N, C-alpha and C. Protein backbone atom coordinates (compact mmCIF):
# COMPACT_ATOMS: atom_id res chain seq x y z
N PHE A 1 6.37 -29.66 11.32
CA PHE A 1 6.64 -30.63 12.37
C PHE A 1 5.37 -31.41 12.68
N GLU A 2 5.54 -32.66 12.91
CA GLU A 2 4.40 -33.52 13.24
C GLU A 2 3.97 -33.28 14.68
N GLN A 3 2.73 -33.71 14.97
CA GLN A 3 2.27 -33.62 16.35
C GLN A 3 3.14 -34.51 17.22
N GLY A 4 3.38 -34.08 18.41
CA GLY A 4 4.21 -34.86 19.32
C GLY A 4 5.66 -34.39 19.31
N ASN A 5 6.02 -33.59 18.32
CA ASN A 5 7.37 -33.06 18.24
C ASN A 5 7.39 -31.59 18.64
N SER A 6 6.52 -31.19 19.54
CA SER A 6 6.44 -29.79 19.92
C SER A 6 7.72 -29.30 20.58
N SER A 7 8.41 -30.17 21.32
CA SER A 7 9.67 -29.75 21.94
C SER A 7 10.72 -29.48 20.87
N LEU A 8 10.72 -30.28 19.81
CA LEU A 8 11.66 -30.06 18.70
C LEU A 8 11.33 -28.75 18.00
N CYS A 9 10.04 -28.48 17.83
CA CYS A 9 9.59 -27.24 17.20
C CYS A 9 10.00 -26.03 18.04
N LYS A 10 9.79 -26.10 19.36
CA LYS A 10 10.17 -25.00 20.25
C LYS A 10 11.67 -24.78 20.21
N THR A 11 12.44 -25.85 20.15
CA THR A 11 13.90 -25.74 20.08
C THR A 11 14.32 -25.06 18.79
N ALA A 12 13.68 -25.44 17.68
CA ALA A 12 14.01 -24.85 16.39
C ALA A 12 13.68 -23.36 16.37
N ILE A 13 12.53 -22.99 16.93
CA ILE A 13 12.14 -21.58 16.98
C ILE A 13 13.10 -20.80 17.87
N SER A 14 13.46 -21.36 19.01
CA SER A 14 14.42 -20.69 19.91
C SER A 14 15.75 -20.48 19.20
N TYR A 15 16.19 -21.49 18.47
CA TYR A 15 17.46 -21.40 17.74
C TYR A 15 17.38 -20.30 16.67
N MET A 16 16.24 -20.23 15.95
CA MET A 16 16.09 -19.21 14.91
C MET A 16 16.10 -17.81 15.52
N ILE A 17 15.38 -17.63 16.62
CA ILE A 17 15.34 -16.32 17.28
C ILE A 17 16.73 -15.94 17.76
N HIS A 18 17.44 -16.89 18.36
CA HIS A 18 18.80 -16.63 18.84
C HIS A 18 19.71 -16.25 17.67
N SER A 19 19.60 -16.95 16.55
CA SER A 19 20.42 -16.65 15.38
C SER A 19 20.13 -15.25 14.85
N LEU A 20 18.85 -14.88 14.81
CA LEU A 20 18.48 -13.54 14.35
C LEU A 20 19.02 -12.47 15.28
N GLN A 21 19.00 -12.74 16.58
CA GLN A 21 19.52 -11.77 17.54
C GLN A 21 21.02 -11.60 17.37
N ILE A 22 21.73 -12.70 17.11
CA ILE A 22 23.18 -12.62 16.90
C ILE A 22 23.48 -11.78 15.67
N MET A 23 22.69 -11.97 14.60
CA MET A 23 22.91 -11.21 13.37
C MET A 23 22.42 -9.77 13.50
N GLY A 24 21.72 -9.44 14.55
CA GLY A 24 21.22 -8.09 14.75
C GLY A 24 19.88 -7.83 14.09
N ILE A 25 19.32 -8.83 13.42
CA ILE A 25 18.06 -8.64 12.71
C ILE A 25 16.89 -8.52 13.68
N ALA A 26 16.88 -9.31 14.71
CA ALA A 26 15.77 -9.27 15.66
C ALA A 26 15.68 -7.89 16.32
N ASN A 27 16.82 -7.30 16.64
CA ASN A 27 16.82 -5.98 17.25
C ASN A 27 16.32 -4.92 16.29
N VAL A 28 16.67 -5.06 15.00
CA VAL A 28 16.20 -4.10 14.01
C VAL A 28 14.68 -4.17 13.91
N MET A 29 14.13 -5.37 13.89
CA MET A 29 12.68 -5.51 13.82
C MET A 29 12.03 -4.92 15.06
N THR A 30 12.65 -5.08 16.20
CA THR A 30 12.12 -4.51 17.43
C THR A 30 12.13 -2.99 17.34
N ASP A 31 13.22 -2.41 16.82
CA ASP A 31 13.30 -0.97 16.63
C ASP A 31 12.23 -0.49 15.65
N TYR A 32 12.04 -1.23 14.57
CA TYR A 32 11.03 -0.87 13.58
C TYR A 32 9.65 -0.81 14.23
N GLU A 33 9.32 -1.84 14.99
CA GLU A 33 8.01 -1.88 15.64
C GLU A 33 7.86 -0.72 16.62
N ARG A 34 8.93 -0.42 17.36
CA ARG A 34 8.88 0.68 18.33
C ARG A 34 8.66 2.01 17.62
N ILE A 35 9.41 2.25 16.53
CA ILE A 35 9.28 3.49 15.77
C ILE A 35 7.89 3.59 15.15
N LYS A 36 7.41 2.49 14.60
CA LYS A 36 6.09 2.47 13.96
C LYS A 36 5.00 2.82 14.97
N ARG A 37 5.06 2.19 16.14
CA ARG A 37 4.06 2.48 17.18
C ARG A 37 4.10 3.94 17.60
N SER A 38 5.31 4.46 17.75
CA SER A 38 5.48 5.85 18.17
C SER A 38 4.89 6.81 17.13
N CYS A 39 5.17 6.57 15.86
CA CYS A 39 4.64 7.43 14.79
C CYS A 39 3.12 7.35 14.72
N LEU A 40 2.58 6.15 14.84
CA LEU A 40 1.12 5.99 14.81
C LEU A 40 0.47 6.70 15.98
N LYS A 41 1.09 6.62 17.14
CA LYS A 41 0.56 7.25 18.34
C LYS A 41 0.53 8.78 18.19
N ARG A 42 1.60 9.34 17.61
CA ARG A 42 1.69 10.79 17.41
C ARG A 42 0.96 11.26 16.16
N GLY A 43 0.59 10.32 15.27
CA GLY A 43 -0.06 10.69 14.02
C GLY A 43 0.88 11.37 13.05
N GLU A 44 2.16 11.01 13.11
CA GLU A 44 3.17 11.62 12.24
C GLU A 44 3.79 10.56 11.34
N LEU A 45 4.30 11.02 10.20
CA LEU A 45 5.04 10.13 9.31
C LEU A 45 6.50 10.16 9.72
N TRP A 46 7.17 9.03 9.57
CA TRP A 46 8.57 8.92 9.96
C TRP A 46 9.47 9.56 8.92
N GLU A 47 10.50 10.24 9.38
CA GLU A 47 11.52 10.81 8.49
C GLU A 47 12.88 10.35 8.98
N ASP A 48 13.68 9.85 8.06
CA ASP A 48 15.01 9.34 8.39
C ASP A 48 15.88 10.49 8.87
N PRO A 49 16.37 10.45 10.10
CA PRO A 49 17.21 11.54 10.60
C PRO A 49 18.53 11.66 9.85
N GLU A 50 18.98 10.58 9.23
CA GLU A 50 20.23 10.62 8.47
C GLU A 50 20.03 11.05 7.02
N PHE A 51 18.80 11.13 6.56
CA PHE A 51 18.49 11.54 5.20
C PHE A 51 17.18 12.33 5.19
N PRO A 52 17.19 13.54 5.78
CA PRO A 52 15.96 14.33 5.84
C PRO A 52 15.56 14.82 4.45
N ALA A 53 14.30 15.18 4.30
CA ALA A 53 13.79 15.65 3.01
C ALA A 53 14.16 17.11 2.80
N THR A 54 15.45 17.35 2.58
CA THR A 54 15.95 18.70 2.32
C THR A 54 16.89 18.68 1.13
N GLN A 55 17.14 19.85 0.55
CA GLN A 55 18.07 19.96 -0.58
C GLN A 55 19.47 19.48 -0.18
N ALA A 56 19.86 19.75 1.04
CA ALA A 56 21.21 19.40 1.50
C ALA A 56 21.45 17.89 1.53
N SER A 57 20.39 17.11 1.59
CA SER A 57 20.56 15.65 1.59
C SER A 57 21.04 15.15 0.24
N VAL A 58 20.73 15.88 -0.81
CA VAL A 58 21.07 15.43 -2.16
C VAL A 58 22.32 16.14 -2.68
N PHE A 59 22.43 17.44 -2.41
CA PHE A 59 23.57 18.22 -2.88
C PHE A 59 24.37 18.70 -1.67
N TYR A 60 25.58 18.21 -1.54
CA TYR A 60 26.39 18.55 -0.37
C TYR A 60 27.14 19.87 -0.55
N HIS A 61 27.79 20.05 -1.70
CA HIS A 61 28.73 21.16 -1.86
C HIS A 61 28.22 22.27 -2.78
N GLN A 62 27.05 22.13 -3.30
CA GLN A 62 26.54 23.15 -4.21
C GLN A 62 25.04 23.31 -4.04
N THR A 63 24.54 24.41 -4.49
CA THR A 63 23.10 24.65 -4.46
C THR A 63 22.57 24.37 -5.86
N PRO A 64 21.60 23.49 -5.99
CA PRO A 64 21.08 23.18 -7.32
C PRO A 64 20.28 24.36 -7.89
N PRO A 65 20.18 24.45 -9.21
CA PRO A 65 19.43 25.55 -9.83
C PRO A 65 17.91 25.34 -9.79
N PHE A 66 17.46 24.38 -9.04
CA PHE A 66 16.03 24.09 -8.96
C PHE A 66 15.70 23.58 -7.56
N GLN A 67 14.42 23.55 -7.24
CA GLN A 67 13.96 23.05 -5.94
C GLN A 67 13.34 21.67 -6.13
N PHE A 68 13.64 20.77 -5.23
CA PHE A 68 12.99 19.47 -5.23
C PHE A 68 11.61 19.58 -4.63
N VAL A 69 10.72 18.73 -5.08
CA VAL A 69 9.42 18.58 -4.45
C VAL A 69 9.45 17.19 -3.83
N TRP A 70 9.58 17.15 -2.51
CA TRP A 70 9.64 15.87 -1.81
C TRP A 70 8.24 15.32 -1.66
N LYS A 71 8.05 14.06 -2.06
CA LYS A 71 6.74 13.43 -1.98
C LYS A 71 6.86 12.07 -1.32
N ARG A 72 5.79 11.69 -0.66
CA ARG A 72 5.66 10.35 -0.10
C ARG A 72 5.16 9.43 -1.21
N PRO A 73 5.39 8.12 -1.08
CA PRO A 73 4.94 7.18 -2.12
C PRO A 73 3.46 7.33 -2.49
N LYS A 74 2.59 7.56 -1.51
CA LYS A 74 1.16 7.71 -1.81
C LYS A 74 0.90 8.93 -2.68
N GLN A 75 1.66 10.00 -2.46
CA GLN A 75 1.49 11.21 -3.26
C GLN A 75 1.93 10.97 -4.70
N VAL A 76 3.01 10.26 -4.88
CA VAL A 76 3.50 9.95 -6.22
C VAL A 76 2.51 9.05 -6.93
N TYR A 77 2.02 8.05 -6.23
CA TYR A 77 1.08 7.09 -6.81
C TYR A 77 -0.20 7.79 -7.25
N LYS A 78 -0.74 8.66 -6.41
CA LYS A 78 -1.99 9.35 -6.76
C LYS A 78 -1.81 10.22 -7.99
N SER A 79 -0.70 10.97 -8.08
CA SER A 79 -0.51 11.85 -9.23
C SER A 79 -0.29 11.03 -10.49
N ASN A 80 0.44 9.92 -10.39
CA ASN A 80 0.65 9.07 -11.56
C ASN A 80 -0.65 8.39 -11.97
N LEU A 81 -1.45 8.02 -11.00
CA LEU A 81 -2.71 7.34 -11.29
C LEU A 81 -3.65 8.28 -12.04
N SER A 82 -3.77 9.52 -11.60
CA SER A 82 -4.67 10.46 -12.29
C SER A 82 -4.17 10.74 -13.70
N SER A 83 -2.86 10.82 -13.87
CA SER A 83 -2.28 11.02 -15.20
C SER A 83 -2.58 9.82 -16.09
N LEU A 84 -2.44 8.63 -15.53
CA LEU A 84 -2.70 7.41 -16.28
C LEU A 84 -4.16 7.31 -16.69
N VAL A 85 -5.06 7.69 -15.80
CA VAL A 85 -6.49 7.67 -16.12
C VAL A 85 -6.79 8.64 -17.26
N ALA A 86 -6.22 9.83 -17.20
CA ALA A 86 -6.44 10.82 -18.26
C ALA A 86 -5.92 10.31 -19.60
N GLN A 87 -4.73 9.71 -19.59
CA GLN A 87 -4.16 9.17 -20.82
C GLN A 87 -5.02 8.03 -21.35
N SER A 88 -5.51 7.18 -20.48
CA SER A 88 -6.34 6.05 -20.89
C SER A 88 -7.63 6.55 -21.54
N ARG A 89 -8.24 7.56 -20.96
CA ARG A 89 -9.47 8.12 -21.54
C ARG A 89 -9.20 8.69 -22.93
N SER A 90 -8.08 9.39 -23.05
CA SER A 90 -7.71 9.97 -24.34
C SER A 90 -7.49 8.88 -25.38
N LEU A 91 -6.78 7.82 -25.01
CA LEU A 91 -6.54 6.72 -25.94
C LEU A 91 -7.84 6.02 -26.31
N LEU A 92 -8.74 5.88 -25.36
CA LEU A 92 -10.02 5.23 -25.63
C LEU A 92 -10.84 6.04 -26.63
N LYS A 93 -10.90 7.37 -26.44
CA LYS A 93 -11.62 8.23 -27.37
C LYS A 93 -11.00 8.14 -28.77
N HIS A 94 -9.66 8.18 -28.82
CA HIS A 94 -8.95 8.09 -30.10
C HIS A 94 -9.26 6.75 -30.77
N SER A 95 -9.27 5.69 -30.01
CA SER A 95 -9.56 4.36 -30.53
C SER A 95 -10.98 4.30 -31.09
N GLU A 96 -11.93 4.89 -30.39
CA GLU A 96 -13.33 4.90 -30.85
C GLU A 96 -13.47 5.68 -32.15
N LEU A 97 -12.75 6.80 -32.26
CA LEU A 97 -12.79 7.59 -33.50
C LEU A 97 -12.21 6.79 -34.66
N LEU A 98 -11.12 6.09 -34.42
CA LEU A 98 -10.52 5.27 -35.48
C LEU A 98 -11.46 4.16 -35.93
N LYS A 99 -12.16 3.55 -34.99
CA LYS A 99 -13.12 2.50 -35.34
C LYS A 99 -14.24 3.05 -36.22
N LYS A 100 -14.74 4.25 -35.89
CA LYS A 100 -15.80 4.87 -36.68
C LYS A 100 -15.32 5.17 -38.09
N LYS A 101 -14.11 5.73 -38.18
CA LYS A 101 -13.55 6.05 -39.50
C LYS A 101 -13.36 4.77 -40.31
N LYS A 102 -12.84 3.75 -39.66
CA LYS A 102 -12.58 2.48 -40.34
C LYS A 102 -13.89 1.88 -40.85
N SER A 103 -14.94 1.94 -40.04
CA SER A 103 -16.23 1.37 -40.48
C SER A 103 -16.81 2.20 -41.62
N ASN A 104 -16.59 3.51 -41.62
CA ASN A 104 -17.06 4.35 -42.72
C ASN A 104 -16.33 4.01 -44.02
N TYR A 105 -15.03 3.79 -43.93
CA TYR A 105 -14.24 3.47 -45.12
C TYR A 105 -14.49 2.04 -45.58
N SER A 106 -14.78 1.14 -44.66
CA SER A 106 -14.92 -0.27 -45.03
C SER A 106 -16.12 -0.50 -45.95
N ARG A 107 -17.16 0.30 -45.84
CA ARG A 107 -18.31 0.09 -46.73
C ARG A 107 -17.96 0.44 -48.17
N TYR A 108 -17.00 1.38 -48.36
CA TYR A 108 -16.57 1.70 -49.72
C TYR A 108 -15.64 0.62 -50.26
N LEU A 109 -14.88 0.01 -49.38
CA LEU A 109 -13.93 -1.02 -49.80
C LEU A 109 -14.62 -2.33 -50.14
N THR A 110 -15.78 -2.59 -49.57
CA THR A 110 -16.46 -3.86 -49.81
C THR A 110 -17.29 -3.85 -51.08
N LEU A 111 -17.44 -2.73 -51.72
CA LEU A 111 -18.25 -2.68 -52.95
C LEU A 111 -17.63 -3.39 -54.08
C-alpha cells in the first residue's frame, strides 16, 4: 500500500484478521502461542494428549512383539547425523585408497 492509504491498509488487515477468526485459524494460533509459552515456562516438551508416546497409541487391539523407542526430532537428527558422518569418513578413506591404487597401476599402464 502506498503512503496515505493507511486507512485502507488498516481495513484490509482488520478484514484478514476477522476472516481468520471466522475460519478458526486465529484461535488455533492463539492456542499454539499459549501452549508454547506454558511449555517454555515449565521447561517441558509438549505431548499431544490425543496421541501420547505409548504403545497403545499405535496398536489398539493387540500388543506388538517389540517395543517402540519414541524419539523427538532432535534425537532422530543427531543419531542420523552421527551415522552419516561415520559413513562419509568410511567412503572418504575408501576413495583415498582407490586413488592410491589407481596411481600405482597407472604408471604401469603408461609405459
